[in-house]
Amino acid sequence: MATPRLLEHYRKAVVPDLMKEFQYTNPMRVPKLTKIVVSMCLKEATSDGKVVEKAIDELSTITGQKPKMTRAKKAIAAFKLRQGMPLGAFSTLRGSHMYEFLDRFTNIALPRVRDFRGIPKTGFDGQGNYTMGLKEQIIFPEIIFDKVDKARGMNVTFVTTAETDNEGYVLLEKLGMPFRKN
């Protein structure tokens, strides 16, 4: 399998830029993307079991691999929730799948968001990881619009080896994430 375009860009352009910007002497200290987690939480799954199957099917189409189902850890009567009920799904992308997904996400899917002006810088967690939410799954070109019964949101988490939010921000920006210019 060929090396993804974004991975080549990371190795040839991003690593030297980050080494110069943060004065790293060893290239192994340069922050890198370790995984991308795409997850869906479905509150309507408590009343309709087929919703989770549909979400898993859509998530596998988007990510290119089979997602894992999440289940309730304990029963909560106020939410009509029993222990073990399916609640959502997630898919963890690593390696070449991760870089190909990031390339498609930044260059194809995000520009399809209505009134897109960039993603906010406020999604960092303090350790260089970034999480953003999407309101609907139809921004991905793999999803056929006519087969979608309901718009479902999802969270996309970018996990990095960066130690600070600034390092994580610079890494993701150099990888092509279109952050908002405020």
Protein backbone atom coordinates (compact mmCIF):
# COMPACT_ATOMS: atom_id res chain seq x y z
CA MET A 1 0.00 0.00 0.00
CA ALA A 2 1.29 3.45 -0.88
CA THR A 3 2.15 5.97 1.82
CA PRO A 4 -0.64 8.55 2.30
CA ARG A 5 0.01 12.02 0.89
CA LEU A 6 -0.47 13.72 4.27
CA LEU A 7 2.02 11.38 6.00
CA GLU A 8 4.66 12.28 3.40
CA HIS A 9 3.87 15.98 3.98
CA TYR A 10 4.26 15.45 7.75
CA ARG A 11 7.65 13.77 7.36
CA LYS A 12 9.11 16.17 4.78
CA ALA A 13 7.65 19.56 5.73
CA VAL A 14 5.94 19.55 9.15
CA VAL A 15 8.70 17.86 11.19
CA PRO A 16 11.46 20.30 10.07
CA ASP A 17 9.12 23.29 10.60
CA LEU A 18 8.19 22.18 14.14
CA MET A 19 11.83 21.42 14.99
CA LYS A 20 12.78 24.95 14.02
CA GLU A 21 9.77 26.63 15.65
CA PHE A 22 9.99 24.87 19.03
CA GLN A 23 13.82 24.38 19.01
CA TYR A 24 13.72 20.58 19.23
CA THR A 25 17.11 18.93 18.84
CA ASN A 26 15.75 15.42 18.36
CA PRO A 27 13.12 14.70 15.66
CA MET A 28 11.51 12.12 17.96
CA ARG A 29 10.39 14.95 20.28
CA VAL A 30 8.30 16.54 17.52
CA PRO A 31 4.58 16.12 18.27
CA LYS A 32 2.68 13.75 16.03
CA LEU A 33 -0.87 12.60 15.51
CA THR A 34 -1.39 9.21 17.18
CA LYS A 35 -5.08 8.52 16.53
CA ILE A 36 -8.40 9.99 15.44
CA VAL A 37 -11.57 8.86 17.20
CA VAL A 38 -14.90 9.40 15.43
CA SER A 39 -17.89 8.78 17.72
CA MET A 40 -21.68 9.05 17.64
CA CYS A 41 -23.93 9.10 20.69
CA LEU A 42 -27.58 8.31 20.01
CA LYS A 43 -30.15 9.30 22.59
CA GLU A 44 -32.98 7.86 20.45
CA ALA A 45 -31.32 4.42 20.62
CA THR A 46 -33.13 3.73 23.91
CA SER A 47 -36.48 3.58 22.11
CA ASP A 48 -35.44 2.19 18.70
CA GLY A 49 -32.75 -0.47 18.31
CA LYS A 50 -32.41 -0.04 14.54
CA VAL A 51 -31.02 3.48 15.01
CA VAL A 52 -27.71 2.08 16.28
CA GLU A 53 -27.43 -0.30 13.31
CA LYS A 54 -28.00 2.60 10.89
CA ALA A 55 -25.43 4.76 12.73
CA ILE A 56 -22.86 1.93 12.70
CA ASP A 57 -23.42 1.49 8.97
CA GLU A 58 -22.92 5.23 8.31
CA LEU A 59 -19.87 5.41 10.59
CA SER A 60 -18.26 2.44 8.85
CA THR A 61 -18.88 4.13 5.48
CA ILE A 62 -17.26 7.35 6.70
CA THR A 63 -14.22 5.84 8.42
CA GLY A 64 -13.63 2.78 6.25
CA GLN A 65 -13.54 0.34 9.16
CA LYS A 66 -16.06 -1.37 11.41
CA PRO A 67 -17.02 0.76 14.44
CA LYS A 68 -17.44 -0.56 17.94
CA MET A 69 -20.77 -0.24 19.76
CA THR A 70 -20.93 1.54 23.13
CA ARG A 71 -23.33 0.33 25.79
CA ALA A 72 -24.76 1.78 29.00
CA LYS A 73 -22.65 0.95 32.05
CA LYS A 74 -25.50 1.27 34.52
CA ALA A 75 -29.26 1.66 34.55
CA ILE A 76 -30.79 5.13 34.91
CA ALA A 77 -34.58 5.05 35.26
CA ALA A 78 -35.06 8.78 34.53
CA PHE A 79 -33.55 8.30 31.06
CA LYS A 80 -35.34 4.95 30.45
CA LEU A 81 -31.93 3.35 30.28
CA ARG A 82 -31.07 -0.23 31.24
CA GLN A 83 -27.61 -1.60 31.82
CA GLY A 84 -26.10 -2.96 28.60
CA MET A 85 -28.36 -1.03 26.21
CA PRO A 86 -26.61 0.20 23.05
CA LEU A 87 -26.05 3.97 23.14
CA GLY A 88 -23.71 4.79 20.28
CA ALA A 89 -20.68 3.80 18.28
CA PHE A 90 -17.08 4.86 17.80
CA SER A 91 -14.24 4.11 15.47
CA THR A 92 -10.54 4.62 16.24
CA LEU A 93 -8.31 5.35 13.25
CA ARG A 94 -4.54 4.87 13.37
CA GLY A 95 -1.70 4.73 10.84
CA SER A 96 -2.42 5.21 7.15
CA HIS A 97 -6.22 5.08 7.65
CA MET A 98 -5.89 8.03 10.05
CA TYR A 99 -3.91 10.18 7.60
CA GLU A 100 -6.25 9.36 4.70
CA PHE A 101 -9.29 10.23 6.84
CA LEU A 102 -7.68 13.53 7.94
CA ASP A 103 -6.91 14.39 4.32
CA ARG A 104 -10.51 13.71 3.22
CA PHE A 105 -11.89 15.47 6.31
CA THR A 106 -9.96 18.73 5.85
CA ASN A 107 -10.06 18.96 2.06
CA ILE A 108 -13.48 17.52 1.14
CA ALA A 109 -15.84 17.23 4.14
CA LEU A 110 -15.22 20.47 6.09
CA PRO A 111 -15.58 22.79 3.07
CA ARG A 112 -19.04 21.23 2.50
CA VAL A 113 -20.29 22.58 5.86
CA ARG A 114 -22.81 25.36 5.32
CA ASP A 115 -21.43 28.85 6.10
CA PHE A 116 -18.01 27.40 6.92
CA ARG A 117 -15.52 29.98 8.18
CA GLY A 118 -13.06 27.63 9.86
CA ILE A 119 -13.12 25.53 12.98
CA PRO A 120 -12.86 27.16 16.41
CA LYS A 121 -9.60 27.04 18.39
CA THR A 122 -11.46 26.36 21.64
CA GLY A 123 -11.58 22.55 21.39
CA PHE A 124 -8.17 21.86 22.96
CA ASP A 125 -8.06 19.94 26.26
CA GLY A 126 -4.83 21.25 27.85
CA GLN A 127 -2.61 18.38 26.65
CA GLY A 128 -2.60 19.16 22.92
CA ASN A 129 -5.59 17.01 21.92
CA TYR A 130 -8.42 18.58 19.91
CA THR A 131 -12.12 17.62 19.83
CA MET A 132 -14.76 19.06 17.55
CA GLY A 133 -18.41 18.31 16.96
CA LEU A 134 -20.23 17.98 13.68
CA LYS A 135 -23.98 18.54 13.41
CA GLU A 136 -24.68 16.18 10.52
CA GLN A 137 -23.06 13.26 8.76
CA ILE A 138 -24.06 14.33 5.24
CA ILE A 139 -20.97 16.54 4.85
CA PHE A 140 -19.02 13.38 4.01
CA PRO A 141 -19.24 12.54 0.30
CA GLU A 142 -19.39 8.79 1.07
CA ILE A 143 -22.86 9.21 2.62
CA ILE A 144 -25.64 9.02 0.05
CA PHE A 145 -28.08 11.82 0.85
CA ASP A 146 -31.21 9.89 -0.25
CA LYS A 147 -30.51 7.00 2.16
CA VAL A 148 -30.18 9.25 5.24
CA ASP A 149 -33.26 9.07 7.45
CA LYS A 150 -32.10 11.58 10.08
CA ALA A 151 -29.18 13.98 10.53
CA ARG A 152 -26.91 12.63 13.27
CA GLY A 153 -24.06 14.52 14.82
CA MET A 154 -20.68 13.15 15.72
CA ASN A 155 -17.53 14.05 17.60
CA VAL A 156 -14.08 13.88 16.04
CA THR A 157 -11.12 13.76 18.44
CA PHE A 158 -7.53 14.26 17.29
CA VAL A 159 -5.10 12.72 19.81
CA THR A 160 -1.52 14.00 19.58
CA THR A 161 1.74 13.55 21.47
CA ALA A 162 1.97 17.33 21.98
CA GLU A 163 2.54 18.47 25.55
CA THR A 164 0.78 21.86 25.26
CA ASP A 165 -2.22 23.21 23.39
CA ASN A 166 0.02 25.54 21.39
CA GLU A 167 2.12 22.63 20.10
CA GLY A 168 -1.05 20.70 19.22
CA TYR A 169 -2.52 23.74 17.47
CA VAL A 170 0.60 24.33 15.36
CA LEU A 171 0.80 20.61 14.47
CA LEU A 172 -2.83 20.40 13.35
CA GLU A 173 -2.61 23.71 11.49
CA LYS A 174 0.45 22.52 9.56
CA LEU A 175 -1.39 19.27 8.76
CA GLY A 176 -4.10 21.36 7.08
CA MET A 177 -6.78 21.93 9.73
CA PRO A 178 -8.62 25.14 8.75
CA PHE A 179 -8.72 27.00 12.07
CA ARG A 180 -10.70 30.23 12.31
CA LYS A 181 -8.69 33.42 11.98
CA ASN A 182 -10.02 35.69 14.75
